[in-house]
Amino acid sequence: MPGLLIKNVPLKLHRKLKTMALLHHRSLTREALALLEQAVSGNWLRSRELPPALKGRFSLTNEFINMAKREGRA
């Protein structure tokens, strides 16, 4: 099985990870793997509602961007 070595983990992050591992009754390695799996699975991103992109005082919607493209080509 492939391995992964993470160096120079900030102390504060290490403590948080260790605390989470204890709460979930996992080793530090298993907790890190669970968090990595959650992060790359896509479920994490889908579960968060992202705010619309803003530029100035209005939202940059696809409709607005397409309109701006059309006007720029006229």
PDB file of N, CA and C in Angstrom:
ATOM      1  N   MET A   1       0.856  -1.174   0.000  1.00  0.00           N
ATOM      2  CA  MET A   1       0.000   0.000   0.000  1.00  0.00           C
ATOM      3  C   MET A   1       0.904   1.239   0.000  1.00  0.00           C
ATOM      4  N   PRO A   2       0.600   2.239  -0.827  1.00  0.00           N
ATOM      5  CA  PRO A   2       1.405   3.457  -0.871  1.00  0.00           C
ATOM      6  C   PRO A   2       1.363   4.205   0.459  1.00  0.00           C
ATOM      7  N   GLY A   3       2.408   4.951   0.717  1.00  0.00           N
ATOM      8  CA  GLY A   3       2.489   5.732   1.938  1.00  0.00           C
ATOM      9  C   GLY A   3       2.513   7.216   1.653  1.00  0.00           C
ATOM     10  N   LEU A   4       2.307   7.993   2.690  1.00  0.00           N
ATOM     11  CA  LEU A   4       2.336   9.449   2.584  1.00  0.00           C
ATOM     12  C   LEU A   4       2.973   9.990   3.855  1.00  0.00           C
ATOM     13  N   LEU A   5       3.954  10.844   3.698  1.00  0.00           N
ATOM     14  CA  LEU A   5       4.624  11.458   4.828  1.00  0.00           C
ATOM     15  C   LEU A   5       4.368  12.957   4.771  1.00  0.00           C
ATOM     16  N   ILE A   6       3.852  13.504   5.839  1.00  0.00           N
ATOM     17  CA  ILE A   6       3.595  14.948   5.892  1.00  0.00           C
ATOM     18  C   ILE A   6       4.547  15.545   6.918  1.00  0.00           C
ATOM     19  N   LYS A   7       5.399  16.440   6.453  1.00  0.00           N
ATOM     20  CA  LYS A   7       6.391  17.069   7.323  1.00  0.00           C
ATOM     21  C   LYS A   7       5.947  18.470   7.709  1.00  0.00           C
ATOM     22  N   ASN A   8       6.512  18.966   8.775  1.00  0.00           N
ATOM     23  CA  ASN A   8       6.320  20.346   9.239  1.00  0.00           C
ATOM     24  C   ASN A   8       4.857  20.695   9.495  1.00  0.00           C
ATOM     25  N   VAL A   9       4.129  19.776  10.135  1.00  0.00           N
ATOM     26  CA  VAL A   9       2.731  20.040  10.496  1.00  0.00           C
ATOM     27  C   VAL A   9       2.749  21.059  11.633  1.00  0.00           C
ATOM     28  N   PRO A  10       2.034  22.176  11.475  1.00  0.00           N
ATOM     29  CA  PRO A  10       1.990  23.159  12.558  1.00  0.00           C
ATOM     30  C   PRO A  10       1.444  22.527  13.847  1.00  0.00           C
ATOM     31  N   LEU A  11       2.013  22.920  14.971  1.00  0.00           N
ATOM     32  CA  LEU A  11       1.652  22.340  16.261  1.00  0.00           C
ATOM     33  C   LEU A  11       0.151  22.458  16.530  1.00  0.00           C
ATOM     34  N   LYS A  12      -0.427  23.599  16.224  1.00  0.00           N
ATOM     35  CA  LYS A  12      -1.854  23.814  16.475  1.00  0.00           C
ATOM     36  C   LYS A  12      -2.701  22.829  15.661  1.00  0.00           C
ATOM     37  N   LEU A  13      -2.344  22.618  14.402  1.00  0.00           N
ATOM     38  CA  LEU A  13      -3.061  21.683  13.546  1.00  0.00           C
ATOM     39  C   LEU A  13      -2.883  20.256  14.049  1.00  0.00           C
ATOM     40  N   HIS A  14      -1.682  19.909  14.468  1.00  0.00           N
ATOM     41  CA  HIS A  14      -1.410  18.570  14.994  1.00  0.00           C
ATOM     42  C   HIS A  14      -2.266  18.308  16.231  1.00  0.00           C
ATOM     43  N   ARG A  15      -2.360  19.275  17.103  1.00  0.00           N
ATOM     44  CA  ARG A  15      -3.175  19.117  18.321  1.00  0.00           C
ATOM     45  C   ARG A  15      -4.651  18.926  17.980  1.00  0.00           C
ATOM     46  N   LYS A  16      -5.148  19.718  17.021  1.00  0.00           N
ATOM     47  CA  LYS A  16      -6.552  19.580  16.615  1.00  0.00           C
ATOM     48  C   LYS A  16      -6.814  18.192  16.029  1.00  0.00           C
ATOM     49  N   LEU A  17      -5.907  17.732  15.180  1.00  0.00           N
ATOM     50  CA  LEU A  17      -6.052  16.427  14.562  1.00  0.00           C
ATOM     51  C   LEU A  17      -6.011  15.320  15.616  1.00  0.00           C
ATOM     52  N   LYS A  18      -5.119  15.458  16.560  1.00  0.00           N
ATOM     53  CA  LYS A  18      -4.998  14.472  17.629  1.00  0.00           C
ATOM     54  C   LYS A  18      -6.266  14.435  18.485  1.00  0.00           C
ATOM     55  N   THR A  19      -6.830  15.607  18.772  1.00  0.00           N
ATOM     56  CA  THR A  19      -8.069  15.689  19.542  1.00  0.00           C
ATOM     57  C   THR A  19      -9.218  15.035  18.782  1.00  0.00           C
ATOM     58  N   MET A  20      -9.309  15.316  17.489  1.00  0.00           N
ATOM     59  CA  MET A  20     -10.356  14.715  16.667  1.00  0.00           C
ATOM     60  C   MET A  20     -10.206  13.192  16.632  1.00  0.00           C
ATOM     61  N   ALA A  21      -8.974  12.715  16.538  1.00  0.00           N
ATOM     62  CA  ALA A  21      -8.719  11.278  16.519  1.00  0.00           C
ATOM     63  C   ALA A  21      -9.195  10.629  17.817  1.00  0.00           C
ATOM     64  N   LEU A  22      -8.919  11.270  18.927  1.00  0.00           N
ATOM     65  CA  LEU A  22      -9.367  10.741  20.214  1.00  0.00           C
ATOM     66  C   LEU A  22     -10.892  10.699  20.296  1.00  0.00           C
ATOM     67  N   LEU A  23     -11.548  11.753  19.823  1.00  0.00           N
ATOM     68  CA  LEU A  23     -13.014  11.809  19.863  1.00  0.00           C
ATOM     69  C   LEU A  23     -13.653  10.735  18.986  1.00  0.00           C
ATOM     70  N   HIS A  24     -12.996  10.390  17.875  1.00  0.00           N
ATOM     71  CA  HIS A  24     -13.533   9.394  16.954  1.00  0.00           C
ATOM     72  C   HIS A  24     -12.956   8.002  17.191  1.00  0.00           C
ATOM     73  N   HIS A  25     -12.167   7.854  18.266  1.00  0.00           N
ATOM     74  CA  HIS A  25     -11.546   6.573  18.627  1.00  0.00           C
ATOM     75  C   HIS A  25     -10.732   6.010  17.462  1.00  0.00           C
ATOM     76  N   ARG A  26      -9.909   6.866  16.875  1.00  0.00           N
ATOM     77  CA  ARG A  26      -9.043   6.474  15.764  1.00  0.00           C
ATOM     78  C   ARG A  26      -7.602   6.843  16.095  1.00  0.00           C
ATOM     79  N   SER A  27      -6.705   6.218  15.373  1.00  0.00           N
ATOM     80  CA  SER A  27      -5.307   6.638  15.456  1.00  0.00           C
ATOM     81  C   SER A  27      -5.172   7.956  14.697  1.00  0.00           C
ATOM     82  N   LEU A  28      -4.074   8.627  14.898  1.00  0.00           N
ATOM     83  CA  LEU A  28      -3.813   9.881  14.199  1.00  0.00           C
ATOM     84  C   LEU A  28      -3.792   9.656  12.685  1.00  0.00           C
ATOM     85  N   THR A  29      -3.177   8.554  12.270  1.00  0.00           N
ATOM     86  CA  THR A  29      -3.113   8.226  10.839  1.00  0.00           C
ATOM     87  C   THR A  29      -4.495   7.951  10.276  1.00  0.00           C
ATOM     88  N   ARG A  30      -5.294   7.156  10.975  1.00  0.00           N
ATOM     89  CA  ARG A  30      -6.648   6.839  10.496  1.00  0.00           C
ATOM     90  C   ARG A  30      -7.522   8.095  10.418  1.00  0.00           C
ATOM     91  N   GLU A  31      -7.361   8.997  11.371  1.00  0.00           N
ATOM     92  CA  GLU A  31      -8.147  10.250  11.352  1.00  0.00           C
ATOM     93  C   GLU A  31      -7.740  11.103  10.159  1.00  0.00           C
ATOM     94  N   ALA A  32      -6.443  11.201   9.903  1.00  0.00           N
ATOM     95  CA  ALA A  32      -5.964  11.974   8.755  1.00  0.00           C
ATOM     96  C   ALA A  32      -6.477  11.361   7.455  1.00  0.00           C
ATOM     97  N   LEU A  33      -6.465  10.035   7.346  1.00  0.00           N
ATOM     98  CA  LEU A  33      -6.977   9.364   6.151  1.00  0.00           C
ATOM     99  C   LEU A  33      -8.475   9.601   5.977  1.00  0.00           C
ATOM    100  N   ALA A  34      -9.225   9.557   7.063  1.00  0.00           N
ATOM    101  CA  ALA A  34     -10.666   9.797   6.990  1.00  0.00           C
ATOM    102  C   ALA A  34     -10.954  11.217   6.504  1.00  0.00           C
ATOM    103  N   LEU A  35     -10.202  12.184   7.006  1.00  0.00           N
ATOM    104  CA  LEU A  35     -10.391  13.571   6.592  1.00  0.00           C
ATOM    105  C   LEU A  35      -9.985  13.785   5.140  1.00  0.00           C
ATOM    106  N   LEU A  36      -8.893  13.168   4.716  1.00  0.00           N
ATOM    107  CA  LEU A  36      -8.465  13.271   3.322  1.00  0.00           C
ATOM    108  C   LEU A  36      -9.497  12.636   2.391  1.00  0.00           C
ATOM    109  N   GLU A  37     -10.008  11.476   2.768  1.00  0.00           N
ATOM    110  CA  GLU A  37     -11.016  10.794   1.951  1.00  0.00           C
ATOM    111  C   GLU A  37     -12.260  11.664   1.807  1.00  0.00           C
ATOM    112  N   GLN A  38     -12.678  12.259   2.905  1.00  0.00           N
ATOM    113  CA  GLN A  38     -13.847  13.140   2.882  1.00  0.00           C
ATOM    114  C   GLN A  38     -13.597  14.347   1.979  1.00  0.00           C
ATOM    115  N   ALA A  39     -12.408  14.891   2.034  1.00  0.00           N
ATOM    116  CA  ALA A  39     -12.088  16.089   1.256  1.00  0.00           C
ATOM    117  C   ALA A  39     -12.042  15.812  -0.239  1.00  0.00           C
ATOM    118  N   VAL A  40     -11.511  14.671  -0.633  1.00  0.00           N
ATOM    119  CA  VAL A  40     -11.362  14.391  -2.061  1.00  0.00           C
ATOM    120  C   VAL A  40     -12.545  13.644  -2.662  1.00  0.00           C
ATOM    121  N   SER A  41     -13.479  13.202  -1.839  1.00  0.00           N
ATOM    122  CA  SER A  41     -14.611  12.434  -2.346  1.00  0.00           C
ATOM    123  C   SER A  41     -15.612  13.298  -3.091  1.00  0.00           C
ATOM    124  N   GLY A  42     -15.578  14.601  -2.866  1.00  0.00           N
ATOM    125  CA  GLY A  42     -16.530  15.490  -3.519  1.00  0.00           C
ATOM    126  C   GLY A  42     -17.749  15.746  -2.660  1.00  0.00           C
ATOM    127  N   ASN A  43     -18.030  14.882  -1.688  1.00  0.00           N
ATOM    128  CA  ASN A  43     -19.187  15.072  -0.825  1.00  0.00           C
ATOM    129  C   ASN A  43     -19.047  16.344   0.000  1.00  0.00           C
ATOM    130  N   TRP A  44     -17.828  16.645   0.381  1.00  0.00           N
ATOM    131  CA  TRP A  44     -17.586  17.832   1.192  1.00  0.00           C
ATOM    132  C   TRP A  44     -17.961  19.078   0.413  1.00  0.00           C
ATOM    133  N   LEU A  45     -17.558  19.125  -0.851  1.00  0.00           N
ATOM    134  CA  LEU A  45     -17.835  20.290  -1.673  1.00  0.00           C
ATOM    135  C   LEU A  45     -19.321  20.423  -1.956  1.00  0.00           C
ATOM    136  N   ARG A  46     -19.982  19.311  -2.254  1.00  0.00           N
ATOM    137  CA  ARG A  46     -21.414  19.362  -2.543  1.00  0.00           C
ATOM    138  C   ARG A  46     -22.229  19.743  -1.330  1.00  0.00           C
ATOM    139  N   SER A  47     -21.742  19.417  -0.116  1.00  0.00           N
ATOM    140  CA  SER A  47     -22.512  19.707   1.085  1.00  0.00           C
ATOM    141  C   SER A  47     -22.432  21.179   1.477  1.00  0.00           C
ATOM    142  N   ARG A  48     -21.505  21.908   0.895  1.00  0.00           N
ATOM    143  CA  ARG A  48     -21.361  23.327   1.201  1.00  0.00           C
ATOM    144  C   ARG A  48     -21.997  24.153   0.100  1.00  0.00           C
ATOM    145  N   GLU A  49     -22.792  25.106   0.483  1.00  0.00           N
ATOM    146  CA  GLU A  49     -23.383  26.000  -0.494  1.00  0.00           C
ATOM    147  C   GLU A  49     -22.429  27.174  -0.676  1.00  0.00           C
ATOM    148  N   LEU A  50     -21.940  27.324  -1.872  1.00  0.00           N
ATOM    149  CA  LEU A  50     -20.992  28.396  -2.144  1.00  0.00           C
ATOM    150  C   LEU A  50     -21.734  29.672  -2.509  1.00  0.00           C
ATOM    151  N   PRO A  51     -21.280  30.800  -2.000  1.00  0.00           N
ATOM    152  CA  PRO A  51     -21.923  32.064  -2.354  1.00  0.00           C
ATOM    153  C   PRO A  51     -21.644  32.409  -3.814  1.00  0.00           C
ATOM    154  N   PRO A  52     -22.517  33.198  -4.415  1.00  0.00           N
ATOM    155  CA  PRO A  52     -22.263  33.584  -5.805  1.00  0.00           C
ATOM    156  C   PRO A  52     -21.012  34.454  -5.897  1.00  0.00           C
ATOM    157  N   ALA A  53     -20.344  34.372  -7.022  1.00  0.00           N
ATOM    158  CA  ALA A  53     -19.143  35.187  -7.238  1.00  0.00           C
ATOM    159  C   ALA A  53     -19.558  36.651  -7.316  1.00  0.00           C
ATOM    160  N   LEU A  54     -18.785  37.509  -6.698  1.00  0.00           N
ATOM    161  CA  LEU A  54     -19.113  38.937  -6.691  1.00  0.00           C
ATOM    162  C   LEU A  54     -18.003  39.734  -7.355  1.00  0.00           C
ATOM    163  N   LYS A  55     -18.395  40.729  -8.051  1.00  0.00           N
ATOM    164  CA  LYS A  55     -17.454  41.673  -8.646  1.00  0.00           C
ATOM    165  C   LYS A  55     -18.117  43.026  -8.484  1.00  0.00           C
ATOM    166  N   GLY A  56     -17.637  43.789  -7.578  1.00  0.00           N
ATOM    167  CA  GLY A  56     -18.267  45.087  -7.335  1.00  0.00           C
ATOM    168  C   GLY A  56     -19.570  44.927  -6.576  1.00  0.00           C
ATOM    169  N   ARG A  57     -20.670  45.441  -7.149  1.00  0.00           N
ATOM    170  CA  ARG A  57     -21.937  45.458  -6.420  1.00  0.00           C
ATOM    171  C   ARG A  57     -22.963  44.466  -6.955  1.00  0.00           C
ATOM    172  N   PHE A  58     -22.583  43.597  -7.875  1.00  0.00           N
ATOM    173  CA  PHE A  58     -23.557  42.669  -8.442  1.00  0.00           C
ATOM    174  C   PHE A  58     -22.929  41.289  -8.615  1.00  0.00           C
ATOM    175  N   SER A  59     -23.791  40.283  -8.684  1.00  0.00           N
ATOM    176  CA  SER A  59     -23.321  38.909  -8.855  1.00  0.00           C
ATOM    177  C   SER A  59     -22.889  38.661 -10.287  1.00  0.00           C
ATOM    178  N   LEU A  60     -21.830  37.914 -10.442  1.00  0.00           N
ATOM    179  CA  LEU A  60     -21.371  37.515 -11.775  1.00  0.00           C
ATOM    180  C   LEU A  60     -22.028  36.181 -12.126  1.00  0.00           C
ATOM    181  N   THR A  61     -23.213  36.243 -12.656  1.00  0.00           N
ATOM    182  CA  THR A  61     -23.919  35.039 -13.055  1.00  0.00           C
ATOM    183  C   THR A  61     -23.495  34.647 -14.466  1.00  0.00           C
ATOM    184  N   ASN A  62     -23.812  33.417 -14.858  1.00  0.00           N
ATOM    185  CA  ASN A  62     -23.514  32.970 -16.223  1.00  0.00           C
ATOM    186  C   ASN A  62     -24.244  33.846 -17.230  1.00  0.00           C
ATOM    187  N   GLU A  63     -25.473  34.227 -16.901  1.00  0.00           N
ATOM    188  CA  GLU A  63     -26.257  35.081 -17.795  1.00  0.00           C
ATOM    189  C   GLU A  63     -25.549  36.413 -18.029  1.00  0.00           C
ATOM    190  N   PHE A  64     -25.063  37.036 -16.962  1.00  0.00           N
ATOM    191  CA  PHE A  64     -24.371  38.312 -17.078  1.00  0.00           C
ATOM    192  C   PHE A  64     -23.094  38.172 -17.907  1.00  0.00           C
ATOM    193  N   ILE A  65     -22.332  37.098 -17.643  1.00  0.00           N
ATOM    194  CA  ILE A  65     -21.069  36.880 -18.357  1.00  0.00           C
ATOM    195  C   ILE A  65     -21.325  36.678 -19.848  1.00  0.00           C
ATOM    196  N   ASN A  66     -22.343  35.873 -20.178  1.00  0.00           N
ATOM    197  CA  ASN A  66     -22.669  35.644 -21.588  1.00  0.00           C
ATOM    198  C   ASN A  66     -23.123  36.938 -22.264  1.00  0.00           C
ATOM    199  N   MET A  67     -23.895  37.763 -21.571  1.00  0.00           N
ATOM    200  CA  MET A  67     -24.341  39.044 -22.117  1.00  0.00           C
ATOM    201  C   MET A  67     -23.128  39.943 -22.389  1.00  0.00           C
ATOM    202  N   ALA A  68     -22.186  39.970 -21.429  1.00  0.00           N
ATOM    203  CA  ALA A  68     -20.996  40.797 -21.592  1.00  0.00           C
ATOM    204  C   ALA A  68     -20.156  40.311 -22.773  1.00  0.00           C
ATOM    205  N   LYS A  69     -20.072  38.998 -22.946  1.00  0.00           N
ATOM    206  CA  LYS A  69     -19.335  38.451 -24.088  1.00  0.00           C
ATOM    207  C   LYS A  69     -19.969  38.898 -25.407  1.00  0.00           C
ATOM    208  N   ARG A  70     -21.306  38.781 -25.458  1.00  0.00           N
ATOM    209  CA  ARG A  70     -22.010  39.174 -26.681  1.00  0.00           C
ATOM    210  C   ARG A  70     -21.801  40.659 -26.979  1.00  0.00           C
ATOM    211  N   GLU A  71     -21.881  41.507 -25.977  1.00  0.00           N
ATOM    212  CA  GLU A  71     -21.694  42.941 -26.177  1.00  0.00           C
ATOM    213  C   GLU A  71     -20.267  43.249 -26.614  1.00  0.00           C
ATOM    214  N   GLY A  72     -19.313  42.515 -26.121  1.00  0.00           N
ATOM    215  CA  GLY A  72     -17.929  42.738 -26.478  1.00  0.00           C
ATOM    216  C   GLY A  72     -17.609  42.351 -27.905  1.00  0.00           C
ATOM    217  N   ARG A  73     -18.420  41.478 -28.457  1.00  0.00           N
ATOM    218  CA  ARG A  73     -18.184  41.004 -29.821  1.00  0.00           C
ATOM    219  C   ARG A  73     -18.989  41.803 -30.852  1.00  0.00           C
ATOM    220  N   ALA A  74     -19.839  42.696 -30.403  1.00  0.00           N
ATOM    221  CA  ALA A  74     -20.706  43.441 -31.335  1.00  0.00           C
ATOM    222  C   ALA A  74     -19.948  44.506 -32.088  1.00  0.00           C
TER     223      ALA A  74
END
